[in-house]
Amino acid sequence: MTGADASSRDTAERVAAVPAADPLTPADRYQELFQAVQRTRVFPDGKTFVDCIPRQDPQRILERYRAQQHRDDFKLTDFVHAHFAEEKAVASHYTSDPDQSLKAHIDGLWSVLTRHPHEHPAGSSILPLPNDYVVPGGRFREIYYWDSYFTMLGLVESGRRDLLATMADNFAWLIDHYGHVPNGNRSYYLSRSQPPVFALMISLFEERGLCKALSYLPQLRREYAWWMDGTDDLRRGDAHRHGVRLDDGSVLNRYWDDRDTPREESFLEDETTASRSVRPAHEVYRDLRAAAASGWDFSARWCDRADDLSTTRTTAILPVDLNSLLYIAERQLARLSESAGRREDAADFASRARARRDAMLRWMWDEAQGAFVDLDWQHGSRRELVTAATAAPLFAGLVDDDPRAERVAATVRERLLAQGGIATSEVDSGQQWDSPNGWAPLQWLAIKGFARCGQQALARDIAQRWLHTVGSLYQREGKLVEKYVLTHDDDGAHGGDGGEYPLQDGFGWTNGVTRRLLHEDPEHPAHRACARSRRGT
């Protein structure tokens, strides 16, 4: 038996051994018990309960709750702790060495952030996977779709081909099993996805010699079909799920969630937000869920009023970065279909890519601002807010030989370039996906987008500023975090603020992007950052 045969057999055996996921989400499974727990805040963080592990059969727990809840001596908190176990952080013997360089620290973290299929508890909300995978860290104890691509960038440079291979197979398995990649591998995430980066993943796999991208063509086709479901039959001005047909007949995409109830992991927060709106609650819930699908949860980008989350209208907005990623997928599908000898399919996908590009240049280019912006399809107008997403068409190759790339570069220098990197937006709304915060994935898209379009000086500048930001915090605190404030003080950089939960350490995509940028800039001072040097010990 060859090594390839053995590997194929091992993969098949792992897939066959994947235990069945609970078909119901926690809200569906526990019904009024779920609502009582979340509304009374038995746990300060709403995500805690939806990740809890039942100590016995879930149906039996619900029956006991119904039988006991009206007793005079019933205490909900006691009942919950008696019947559920909190999902604890995976035990690790890892201790950060204060003498470690930033690069060595990241290399050592991958094993800490790795989860194994045998660790999946029965009856919980986890969607079991066949292979090992890397989580972001902190409260995020499952994979997240778009996070994982940026994590993979670092795994490559750390020499962790083993994890790259297992994660590749996991994402293919999710598409085969569910028809799309969920927001994360939890049952309560199944109704939505995240920015579609599977095409980027398989390009990375091929570039690094892990496998031929052609082997993932079936999964890429199936995921694309999920995003485009129903669009071929749309009339002008109509929408269905992720697709919208505009008045000129072109089709662009939006974020969507198939449910219109409060997010289970943020149940009370969503009910509170909806109570402030004049719109029907189910519309607000759908738009909050769609914003979570975007990965930008939350931002003034989706709101009619920056200071009021209840004005979120995500499903009315066609995002420039989502459509850039789908343009990449269409071009990838055309290339791979041609390689597979499916010339008719190749021509169809190439035509779809051209049509999307034309529509984006027509509808999303703001000549006055010199930027790509989102489109409010319901109002028929471009959104005024300029965000870091303006670099996504450059990253996707829409304007490789186009003067618009230079205009975007000038706009970013003037309006978004901050001390520590490229700002998420110009608005300080109090939400985490706005100023003053900066995020690793947005730095990467901008750096590679500007470099692709001949704006190497700006690309280098953003990369150097970001490495200084991450290195400064690492030197002071010995860790990497989810997001960063891009304005430094006398102590250097600080972790970002805002949002529904505290700042998280870890952190998968920060590690990945930073590790890749360190590889590309071997002389940057961040290489010399170590925690002990700042502490003076």
Protein backbone atom coordinates (compact mmCIF):
# COMPACT_ATOMS: atom_id res chain seq x y z
CA MET A 1 0.00 0.00 0.00
CA THR A 2 1.38 3.43 -0.94
CA GLY A 3 1.59 6.36 1.46
CA ALA A 4 -1.15 8.12 -0.50
CA ASP A 5 -3.41 5.07 -0.23
CA ALA A 6 -2.83 4.87 3.50
CA SER A 7 -3.55 8.58 3.92
CA SER A 8 -6.76 8.27 1.91
CA ARG A 9 -7.85 5.29 3.98
CA ASP A 10 -7.10 7.13 7.24
CA THR A 11 -9.12 10.13 6.08
CA ALA A 12 -12.06 7.93 5.12
CA GLU A 13 -11.95 6.19 8.49
CA ARG A 14 -11.94 9.53 10.34
CA VAL A 15 -14.88 10.82 8.33
CA ALA A 16 -16.83 7.61 8.96
CA ALA A 17 -16.14 7.94 12.69
CA VAL A 18 -17.52 11.48 13.03
CA PRO A 19 -20.34 11.32 15.62
CA ALA A 20 -23.72 12.73 14.69
CA ALA A 21 -24.37 16.31 15.70
CA ASP A 22 -27.46 17.25 17.70
CA PRO A 23 -29.92 18.21 14.93
CA LEU A 24 -31.46 20.95 17.09
CA THR A 25 -29.96 24.23 18.24
CA PRO A 26 -30.02 25.01 22.00
CA ALA A 27 -33.04 27.31 21.55
CA ASP A 28 -34.94 24.60 19.70
CA ARG A 29 -33.81 21.87 22.06
CA TYR A 30 -34.51 23.58 25.39
CA GLN A 31 -37.31 25.97 24.36
CA GLU A 32 -38.70 27.89 27.36
CA LEU A 33 -35.80 26.73 29.54
CA PHE A 34 -33.40 28.30 27.06
CA GLN A 35 -35.30 31.59 27.09
CA ALA A 36 -35.44 31.68 30.88
CA VAL A 37 -31.69 31.07 31.21
CA GLN A 38 -30.76 33.74 28.68
CA ARG A 39 -33.27 36.37 29.83
CA THR A 40 -32.30 36.11 33.51
CA ARG A 41 -28.57 36.00 32.70
CA VAL A 42 -27.75 32.86 34.58
CA PHE A 43 -24.39 33.33 32.86
CA PRO A 44 -22.98 36.82 32.21
CA ASP A 45 -22.00 35.83 28.68
CA GLY A 46 -24.89 34.46 26.61
CA LYS A 47 -22.51 32.22 24.69
CA THR A 48 -21.73 30.22 27.84
CA PHE A 49 -25.10 28.47 28.00
CA VAL A 50 -25.34 27.60 24.30
CA ASP A 51 -21.93 25.93 24.63
CA CYS A 52 -22.81 24.04 27.83
CA ILE A 53 -22.71 20.25 27.92
CA PRO A 54 -25.86 18.49 29.16
CA ARG A 55 -25.23 16.09 32.02
CA GLN A 56 -28.05 13.80 30.86
CA ASP A 57 -30.46 13.38 27.97
CA PRO A 58 -31.58 16.87 26.81
CA GLN A 59 -35.23 15.89 26.47
CA ARG A 60 -35.20 14.56 30.02
CA ILE A 61 -33.70 17.87 31.24
CA LEU A 62 -36.49 19.84 29.59
CA GLU A 63 -39.13 17.55 31.08
CA ARG A 64 -37.67 18.00 34.57
CA TYR A 65 -37.63 21.77 34.13
CA ARG A 66 -41.28 21.79 33.13
CA ALA A 67 -42.17 19.64 36.11
CA GLN A 68 -40.19 21.69 38.66
CA GLN A 69 -40.21 25.33 37.50
CA HIS A 70 -43.38 26.34 39.38
CA ARG A 71 -42.33 24.93 42.75
CA ASP A 72 -41.81 27.49 45.50
CA ASP A 73 -38.30 26.27 46.19
CA PHE A 74 -37.21 26.15 42.51
CA LYS A 75 -34.05 28.08 41.70
CA LEU A 76 -33.18 28.34 38.04
CA THR A 77 -29.46 28.84 38.61
CA ASP A 78 -29.24 25.73 40.78
CA PHE A 79 -31.21 23.73 38.24
CA VAL A 80 -28.96 24.80 35.38
CA HIS A 81 -25.74 24.02 37.20
CA ALA A 82 -27.13 20.64 38.26
CA HIS A 83 -28.03 19.67 34.70
CA PHE A 84 -25.34 21.36 32.58
CA ALA A 85 -21.58 21.57 32.68
CA GLU A 86 -19.82 24.65 31.39
CA GLU A 87 -17.47 23.99 28.52
CA LYS A 88 -14.11 24.82 30.00
CA ALA A 89 -11.03 25.96 28.17
CA VAL A 90 -8.92 23.03 27.05
CA ALA A 91 -6.18 22.37 29.58
CA SER A 92 -2.75 23.35 28.35
CA HIS A 93 0.67 23.08 29.90
CA TYR A 94 1.96 25.85 27.66
CA THR A 95 3.75 28.70 29.41
CA SER A 96 4.92 31.69 27.43
CA ASP A 97 8.65 32.23 27.74
CA PRO A 98 9.26 35.95 28.26
CA ASP A 99 12.53 35.61 26.35
CA GLN A 100 10.75 34.29 23.26
CA SER A 101 10.64 36.36 20.11
CA LEU A 102 7.25 37.24 18.72
CA LYS A 103 7.73 34.72 15.93
CA ALA A 104 8.67 31.91 18.32
CA HIS A 105 5.71 32.78 20.54
CA ILE A 106 3.31 32.42 17.62
CA ASP A 107 4.90 29.14 16.52
CA GLY A 108 4.37 27.76 20.02
CA LEU A 109 0.72 28.81 20.19
CA TRP A 110 -0.59 26.64 17.36
CA SER A 111 -0.67 23.50 19.48
CA VAL A 112 -2.38 25.42 22.30
CA LEU A 113 -5.12 26.53 19.90
CA THR A 114 -5.55 23.09 18.30
CA ARG A 115 -8.63 21.02 19.06
CA HIS A 116 -9.10 17.31 18.42
CA PRO A 117 -12.22 15.38 17.36
CA HIS A 118 -12.11 13.13 20.42
CA GLU A 119 -12.63 16.21 22.61
CA HIS A 120 -16.13 16.81 21.23
CA PRO A 121 -18.66 16.18 24.03
CA ALA A 122 -21.91 14.41 23.24
CA GLY A 123 -25.14 16.39 23.33
CA SER A 124 -23.55 19.82 23.08
CA SER A 125 -23.98 22.41 20.33
CA ILE A 126 -20.63 21.50 18.75
CA LEU A 127 -20.67 20.19 15.18
CA PRO A 128 -18.08 17.40 15.30
CA LEU A 129 -15.39 17.43 12.62
CA PRO A 130 -13.26 14.56 11.34
CA ASN A 131 -9.86 16.19 11.83
CA ASP A 132 -7.85 18.46 14.09
CA TYR A 133 -8.46 22.20 13.73
CA VAL A 134 -7.29 25.54 15.11
CA VAL A 135 -9.62 27.84 17.06
CA PRO A 136 -9.19 31.60 17.54
CA GLY A 137 -8.84 31.46 21.33
CA GLY A 138 -10.58 32.94 24.38
CA ARG A 139 -14.36 32.46 24.35
CA PHE A 140 -14.13 31.19 20.77
CA ARG A 141 -13.62 27.45 21.25
CA GLU A 142 -14.74 26.39 17.77
CA ILE A 143 -13.56 27.13 14.25
CA TYR A 144 -14.73 30.27 12.49
CA TYR A 145 -14.90 30.27 8.73
CA TRP A 146 -13.11 33.41 7.58
CA ASP A 147 -10.83 33.50 10.63
CA SER A 148 -9.39 30.19 9.52
CA TYR A 149 -8.01 31.44 6.20
CA PHE A 150 -5.96 34.12 7.95
CA THR A 151 -4.86 31.58 10.55
CA MET A 152 -3.70 29.33 7.71
CA LEU A 153 -1.35 32.05 6.46
CA GLY A 154 0.60 31.69 9.68
CA LEU A 155 0.43 27.90 9.80
CA VAL A 156 2.23 27.86 6.45
CA GLU A 157 5.11 29.97 7.73
CA SER A 158 5.32 28.01 10.98
CA GLY A 159 5.76 24.79 9.01
CA ARG A 160 2.49 23.30 10.28
CA ARG A 161 1.49 21.54 7.07
CA ASP A 162 -0.17 18.89 9.22
CA LEU A 163 -2.76 21.35 10.52
CA LEU A 164 -3.17 22.97 7.12
CA ALA A 165 -4.04 19.58 5.64
CA THR A 166 -6.51 18.61 8.35
CA MET A 167 -8.26 21.96 8.20
CA ALA A 168 -8.54 21.70 4.42
CA ASP A 169 -10.30 18.37 4.77
CA ASN A 170 -12.55 19.76 7.52
CA PHE A 171 -13.84 22.58 5.36
CA ALA A 172 -14.45 20.24 2.44
CA TRP A 173 -16.31 17.94 4.85
CA LEU A 174 -18.51 20.79 6.09
CA ILE A 175 -19.52 21.69 2.55
CA ASP A 176 -20.19 18.06 1.67
CA HIS A 177 -22.22 17.56 4.85
CA TYR A 178 -24.13 20.85 5.18
CA GLY A 179 -23.94 22.39 1.69
CA HIS A 180 -21.97 25.40 2.95
CA VAL A 181 -19.41 26.36 5.56
CA PRO A 182 -21.28 27.53 8.68
CA ASN A 183 -20.22 30.64 10.56
CA GLY A 184 -18.58 28.19 12.99
CA ASN A 185 -18.93 24.54 13.89
CA ARG A 186 -21.87 25.03 16.26
CA SER A 187 -25.48 24.08 15.60
CA TYR A 188 -26.62 27.65 16.30
CA TYR A 189 -24.35 28.87 13.47
CA LEU A 190 -25.77 26.59 10.78
CA SER A 191 -28.27 29.12 9.45
CA ARG A 192 -25.53 31.43 8.19
CA SER A 193 -22.03 31.43 6.81
CA GLN A 194 -19.24 34.03 6.85
CA PRO A 195 -17.17 35.77 4.14
CA PRO A 196 -16.63 33.01 1.53
CA VAL A 197 -12.89 32.40 1.58
CA PHE A 198 -12.82 28.73 0.53
CA ALA A 199 -11.50 29.74 -2.90
CA LEU A 200 -8.63 31.57 -1.18
CA MET A 201 -7.95 28.53 0.98
CA ILE A 202 -7.62 26.13 -1.92
CA SER A 203 -5.33 28.56 -3.75
CA LEU A 204 -3.13 28.58 -0.68
CA PHE A 205 -3.16 24.78 -0.52
CA GLU A 206 -2.07 24.57 -4.14
CA GLU A 207 0.60 27.27 -3.87
CA ARG A 208 2.17 25.44 -0.96
CA GLY A 209 2.10 22.04 -2.64
CA LEU A 210 -0.42 20.59 -0.22
CA CYS A 211 -2.77 19.38 -2.95
CA LYS A 212 -4.16 20.26 -6.35
CA ALA A 213 -6.88 22.87 -6.17
CA LEU A 214 -8.79 20.85 -8.75
CA SER A 215 -9.51 18.20 -6.13
CA TYR A 216 -11.74 20.72 -4.31
CA LEU A 217 -13.73 21.77 -7.38
CA PRO A 218 -16.89 19.85 -6.30
CA GLN A 219 -16.95 21.60 -2.93
CA LEU A 220 -16.24 25.01 -4.44
CA ARG A 221 -19.12 24.54 -6.90
CA ARG A 222 -21.48 23.46 -4.13
CA GLU A 223 -20.61 26.38 -1.88
CA TYR A 224 -21.03 28.83 -4.77
CA ALA A 225 -24.45 27.34 -5.55
CA TRP A 226 -25.46 27.92 -1.92
CA TRP A 227 -24.53 31.60 -2.16
CA MET A 228 -26.33 31.98 -5.49
CA ASP A 229 -29.45 29.99 -4.61
CA GLY A 230 -32.50 31.34 -6.44
CA THR A 231 -30.73 34.21 -8.21
CA ASP A 232 -31.28 32.89 -11.75
CA ASP A 233 -35.06 33.23 -11.34
CA LEU A 234 -35.10 36.67 -9.73
CA ARG A 235 -36.97 39.53 -11.36
CA ARG A 236 -35.45 43.01 -11.40
CA GLY A 237 -35.67 44.64 -7.99
CA ASP A 238 -36.23 41.33 -6.18
CA ALA A 239 -34.10 39.47 -3.66
CA HIS A 240 -33.87 35.90 -2.44
CA ARG A 241 -31.62 34.80 0.40
CA HIS A 242 -28.09 35.98 -0.51
CA GLY A 243 -28.89 37.33 -3.98
CA VAL A 244 -30.35 40.58 -5.32
CA ARG A 245 -31.18 41.42 -8.92
CA LEU A 246 -30.78 45.14 -9.49
CA ASP A 247 -32.87 47.32 -11.77
CA ASP A 248 -30.36 46.97 -14.62
CA GLY A 249 -30.60 43.16 -14.44
CA SER A 250 -27.23 42.57 -12.77
CA VAL A 251 -26.93 40.28 -9.75
CA LEU A 252 -24.95 41.08 -6.62
CA ASN A 253 -24.90 39.48 -3.20
CA ARG A 254 -25.67 40.34 0.39
CA TYR A 255 -25.26 38.68 3.78
CA TRP A 256 -28.20 36.68 5.06
CA ASP A 257 -29.26 34.35 7.83
CA ASP A 258 -32.06 31.84 7.31
CA ARG A 259 -33.45 32.55 10.79
CA ASP A 260 -35.20 35.70 12.00
CA THR A 261 -35.00 35.13 15.75
CA PRO A 262 -32.49 36.50 18.27
CA ARG A 263 -29.01 35.04 17.94
CA GLU A 264 -28.84 32.27 20.50
CA GLU A 265 -25.37 33.24 21.69
CA SER A 266 -26.54 36.88 22.17
CA PHE A 267 -30.22 36.31 22.88
CA LEU A 268 -30.85 39.01 25.47
CA GLU A 269 -28.71 41.56 23.65
CA ASP A 270 -30.73 41.08 20.47
CA GLU A 271 -34.07 41.28 22.27
CA THR A 272 -32.93 44.51 23.91
CA THR A 273 -31.78 45.96 20.58
CA ALA A 274 -35.03 45.03 18.82
CA SER A 275 -37.10 46.60 21.60
CA ARG A 276 -35.63 50.01 20.67
CA SER A 277 -36.64 49.74 17.02
CA VAL A 278 -39.83 50.88 15.31
CA ARG A 279 -39.44 48.00 12.83
CA PRO A 280 -40.89 44.52 13.41
CA ALA A 281 -38.61 42.56 15.73
CA HIS A 282 -38.08 39.73 13.26
CA GLU A 283 -36.60 42.18 10.73
CA VAL A 284 -34.16 43.51 13.30
CA TYR A 285 -33.15 39.98 14.31
CA ARG A 286 -32.52 38.96 10.70
CA ASP A 287 -30.35 42.03 10.12
CA LEU A 288 -28.36 41.46 13.31
CA ARG A 289 -27.78 37.85 12.28
CA ALA A 290 -26.75 38.93 8.78
CA ALA A 291 -24.25 41.35 10.30
CA ALA A 292 -22.81 38.44 12.27
CA ALA A 293 -22.54 36.53 8.99
CA SER A 294 -20.48 39.41 7.57
CA GLY A 295 -17.86 38.99 10.29
CA TRP A 296 -18.19 42.73 10.98
CA ASP A 297 -20.37 42.36 14.05
CA PHE A 298 -21.00 45.16 14.67
CA SER A 299 -20.30 48.32 12.69
CA ALA A 300 -21.83 51.62 11.67
CA ARG A 301 -21.38 50.19 8.19
CA TRP A 302 -24.68 48.34 8.57
CA CYS A 303 -26.62 51.04 10.45
CA ASP A 304 -28.73 53.99 9.35
CA ARG A 305 -27.56 55.80 12.49
CA ALA A 306 -24.06 55.06 13.73
CA ASP A 307 -25.06 55.40 17.38
CA ASP A 308 -28.08 53.07 17.21
CA LEU A 309 -27.60 49.36 16.58
CA SER A 310 -31.37 48.92 16.21
CA THR A 311 -31.10 50.71 12.85
CA THR A 312 -28.98 47.87 11.44
CA ARG A 313 -30.14 47.05 7.89
CA THR A 314 -27.54 44.51 6.75
CA THR A 315 -29.85 42.67 4.35
CA ALA A 316 -30.50 45.95 2.52
CA ILE A 317 -26.79 46.43 1.84
CA LEU A 318 -24.68 44.84 -0.89
CA PRO A 319 -21.15 44.73 0.57
CA VAL A 320 -18.18 45.48 -1.64
CA ASP A 321 -15.93 42.92 0.08
CA LEU A 322 -18.45 40.05 -0.12
CA ASN A 323 -18.86 40.61 -3.84
CA SER A 324 -15.09 40.83 -4.27
CA LEU A 325 -14.71 37.41 -2.67
CA LEU A 326 -17.42 35.92 -4.87
CA TYR A 327 -15.66 37.41 -7.90
CA ILE A 328 -12.53 35.52 -6.80
CA ALA A 329 -14.60 32.34 -6.46
CA GLU A 330 -16.09 32.75 -9.95
CA ARG A 331 -12.67 33.21 -11.52
CA GLN A 332 -11.35 30.22 -9.61
CA LEU A 333 -14.32 28.13 -10.73
CA ALA A 334 -13.74 29.15 -14.34
CA ARG A 335 -10.05 28.20 -14.13
CA LEU A 336 -10.63 24.86 -12.44
CA SER A 337 -13.54 23.96 -14.73
CA GLU A 338 -11.29 24.58 -17.72
CA SER A 339 -8.62 22.36 -16.17
CA ALA A 340 -11.24 19.64 -15.67
CA GLY A 341 -12.25 19.82 -19.33
CA ARG A 342 -15.64 21.34 -18.50
CA ARG A 343 -15.44 24.14 -21.04
CA GLU A 344 -19.10 25.09 -20.98
CA ASP A 345 -18.98 25.50 -17.21
CA ALA A 346 -15.73 27.44 -17.48
CA ALA A 347 -17.30 29.87 -19.93
CA ASP A 348 -20.34 30.29 -17.68
CA PHE A 349 -18.29 31.11 -14.59
CA ALA A 350 -16.04 33.47 -16.55
CA SER A 351 -19.15 35.26 -17.80
CA ARG A 352 -20.51 35.52 -14.27
CA ALA A 353 -17.21 37.00 -13.08
CA ARG A 354 -17.23 39.62 -15.84
CA ALA A 355 -20.83 40.52 -15.09
CA ARG A 356 -20.09 40.90 -11.38
CA ARG A 357 -17.06 43.08 -12.08
CA ASP A 358 -19.07 45.32 -14.40
CA ALA A 359 -21.85 45.64 -11.83
CA MET A 360 -19.44 46.45 -9.02
CA LEU A 361 -17.68 49.14 -11.05
CA ARG A 362 -21.05 50.61 -12.01
CA TRP A 363 -22.76 50.48 -8.63
CA MET A 364 -20.02 50.48 -5.98
CA TRP A 365 -17.44 52.94 -7.30
CA ASP A 366 -17.87 56.39 -5.74
CA GLU A 367 -16.08 58.81 -8.02
CA ALA A 368 -16.46 61.78 -5.67
CA GLN A 369 -14.85 59.94 -2.75
CA GLY A 370 -12.34 57.97 -4.79
CA ALA A 371 -13.39 54.77 -3.05
CA PHE A 372 -15.36 51.57 -3.40
CA VAL A 373 -18.37 51.60 -1.08
CA ASP A 374 -21.35 49.39 -0.26
CA LEU A 375 -24.66 49.72 -2.10
CA ASP A 376 -28.01 50.17 -0.37
CA TRP A 377 -30.09 48.29 -2.92
CA GLN A 378 -33.41 49.11 -1.27
CA HIS A 379 -32.76 52.85 -1.47
CA GLY A 380 -30.89 52.61 -4.77
CA SER A 381 -27.95 54.62 -3.44
CA ARG A 382 -24.33 54.13 -2.46
CA ARG A 383 -23.46 54.17 1.22
CA GLU A 384 -21.40 57.20 2.21
CA LEU A 385 -19.24 55.48 4.81
CA VAL A 386 -15.72 54.64 3.61
CA THR A 387 -14.34 51.55 5.34
CA ALA A 388 -11.33 49.28 5.04
CA ALA A 389 -13.47 47.12 2.74
CA THR A 390 -12.66 49.65 0.00
CA ALA A 391 -9.42 47.71 -0.61
CA ALA A 392 -11.20 44.41 -1.29
CA PRO A 393 -11.72 44.98 -5.05
CA LEU A 394 -7.98 45.64 -5.35
CA PHE A 395 -7.25 42.41 -3.50
CA ALA A 396 -9.63 40.56 -5.82
CA GLY A 397 -8.05 41.90 -9.00
CA LEU A 398 -10.95 44.03 -10.26
CA VAL A 399 -8.75 47.04 -11.00
CA ASP A 400 -5.23 45.74 -11.62
CA ASP A 401 -4.59 48.19 -14.51
CA ASP A 402 -7.07 50.87 -13.60
CA PRO A 403 -6.49 54.42 -12.29
CA ARG A 404 -9.16 53.75 -9.66
CA ALA A 405 -6.57 51.78 -7.68
CA GLU A 406 -4.46 54.89 -7.30
CA ARG A 407 -7.54 56.86 -6.22
CA VAL A 408 -8.32 54.27 -3.54
CA ALA A 409 -4.73 54.44 -2.30
CA ALA A 410 -4.94 58.22 -1.97
CA THR A 411 -8.25 57.99 -0.11
CA VAL A 412 -6.92 55.38 2.31
CA ARG A 413 -3.79 57.45 3.01
CA GLU A 414 -5.89 60.51 3.74
CA ARG A 415 -8.81 58.99 5.63
CA LEU A 416 -8.06 55.52 7.00
CA LEU A 417 -4.31 55.21 7.53
CA ALA A 418 -3.69 55.42 11.26
CA GLN A 419 -0.63 55.20 13.47
CA GLY A 420 -1.01 51.46 13.87
CA GLY A 421 -2.34 50.35 10.46
CA ILE A 422 -5.48 50.76 8.37
CA ALA A 423 -8.53 51.75 10.40
CA THR A 424 -11.72 49.75 10.06
CA SER A 425 -13.81 52.86 9.40
CA GLU A 426 -13.81 56.60 10.05
CA VAL A 427 -16.61 56.40 12.62
CA ASP A 428 -16.16 55.92 16.37
CA SER A 429 -19.52 54.30 17.06
CA GLY A 430 -18.58 52.29 20.13
CA GLN A 431 -18.88 49.10 18.06
CA GLN A 432 -15.79 46.95 17.65
CA TRP A 433 -15.73 47.03 13.82
CA ASP A 434 -15.26 50.78 13.70
CA SER A 435 -12.63 53.33 14.63
CA PRO A 436 -10.31 53.30 16.53
CA ASN A 437 -9.93 49.54 16.14
CA GLY A 438 -7.82 47.69 13.61
CA TRP A 439 -8.15 44.02 12.68
CA ALA A 440 -5.62 41.60 11.20
CA PRO A 441 -7.72 40.39 8.23
CA LEU A 442 -8.37 43.93 7.05
CA GLN A 443 -4.66 44.73 7.20
CA TRP A 444 -3.93 41.69 5.04
CA LEU A 445 -6.54 42.47 2.40
CA ALA A 446 -5.29 46.05 2.15
CA ILE A 447 -1.60 45.13 2.08
CA LYS A 448 -2.01 42.54 -0.64
CA GLY A 449 -4.56 44.62 -2.54
CA PHE A 450 -2.33 47.67 -2.77
CA ALA A 451 0.74 45.59 -3.57
CA ARG A 452 -1.14 43.90 -6.40
CA CYS A 453 -2.05 47.25 -7.94
CA GLY A 454 1.43 48.74 -7.87
CA GLN A 455 1.00 50.66 -4.60
CA GLN A 456 3.91 48.90 -2.91
CA ALA A 457 4.91 51.86 -0.76
CA LEU A 458 1.48 52.04 0.87
CA ALA A 459 1.37 48.26 1.26
CA ARG A 460 4.74 48.27 3.05
CA ASP A 461 3.69 51.20 5.22
CA ILE A 462 0.52 49.44 6.43
CA ALA A 463 2.45 46.21 7.11
CA GLN A 464 5.15 48.00 9.09
CA ARG A 465 2.66 49.95 11.16
CA TRP A 466 0.70 46.80 11.95
CA LEU A 467 3.79 44.83 12.97
CA HIS A 468 4.79 47.68 15.25
CA THR A 469 1.32 47.60 16.83
CA VAL A 470 1.34 43.86 17.48
CA GLY A 471 5.00 43.84 18.57
CA SER A 472 4.47 46.72 20.99
CA LEU A 473 1.62 44.99 22.84
CA TYR A 474 3.48 41.68 22.85
CA GLN A 475 6.52 43.31 24.38
CA ARG A 476 4.45 44.88 27.14
CA GLU A 477 2.00 42.05 27.88
CA GLY A 478 3.43 38.91 26.28
CA LYS A 479 0.35 38.10 24.20
CA LEU A 480 -1.53 38.71 20.95
CA VAL A 481 -5.15 39.81 20.94
CA GLU A 482 -8.21 39.86 18.70
CA LYS A 483 -8.15 43.56 17.76
CA TYR A 484 -6.01 46.62 18.46
CA VAL A 485 -6.47 50.33 19.02
CA LEU A 486 -4.52 51.94 16.21
CA THR A 487 -3.60 55.09 18.16
CA HIS A 488 -0.68 54.40 20.47
CA ASP A 489 0.14 56.18 23.72
CA ASP A 490 3.36 56.37 25.73
CA ASP A 491 2.99 52.68 26.63
CA GLY A 492 2.63 51.67 22.98
CA ALA A 493 -0.29 49.75 21.50
CA HIS A 494 -3.41 48.61 23.32
CA GLY A 495 -6.04 45.99 22.66
CA GLY A 496 -9.24 47.17 20.99
CA ASP A 497 -12.47 48.03 22.73
CA GLY A 498 -16.21 47.98 22.02
CA GLY A 499 -18.57 45.19 21.12
CA GLU A 500 -20.60 42.63 23.04
CA TYR A 501 -17.81 40.81 24.86
CA PRO A 502 -14.41 41.57 26.45
CA LEU A 503 -11.20 41.64 24.44
CA GLN A 504 -10.08 38.10 23.61
CA ASP A 505 -6.54 36.75 23.79
CA GLY A 506 -5.17 34.10 21.48
CA PHE A 507 -5.63 34.98 18.78
CA GLY A 508 -5.84 32.91 15.60
CA TRP A 509 -6.01 35.42 12.77
CA THR A 510 -3.73 37.94 14.49
CA ASN A 511 -1.17 35.16 14.88
CA GLY A 512 -1.57 34.10 11.25
CA VAL A 513 -1.30 37.48 9.58
CA THR A 514 1.49 38.64 11.88
CA ARG A 515 3.52 35.46 11.35
CA ARG A 516 3.22 35.85 7.56
CA LEU A 517 4.20 39.54 7.67
CA LEU A 518 7.20 38.77 9.88
CA HIS A 519 8.31 36.26 7.25
CA GLU A 520 7.96 38.88 4.51
CA ASP A 521 9.85 41.57 6.49
CA PRO A 522 12.75 39.82 8.25
CA GLU A 523 14.33 43.15 9.33
CA HIS A 524 11.33 44.66 11.09
CA PRO A 525 12.00 45.59 14.76
CA ALA A 526 9.02 43.46 15.82
CA HIS A 527 11.28 40.43 15.38
CA ARG A 528 13.24 41.64 18.40
CA ALA A 529 10.24 42.18 20.66
CA CYS A 530 10.07 39.99 23.75
CA ALA A 531 8.08 40.38 26.92
CA ARG A 532 11.07 40.29 29.29
CA SER A 533 12.80 43.23 27.60
CA ARG A 534 9.92 45.59 28.45
CA ARG A 535 9.63 44.35 32.02
CA GLY A 536 13.33 44.96 32.56
CA THR A 537 13.96 41.53 34.06
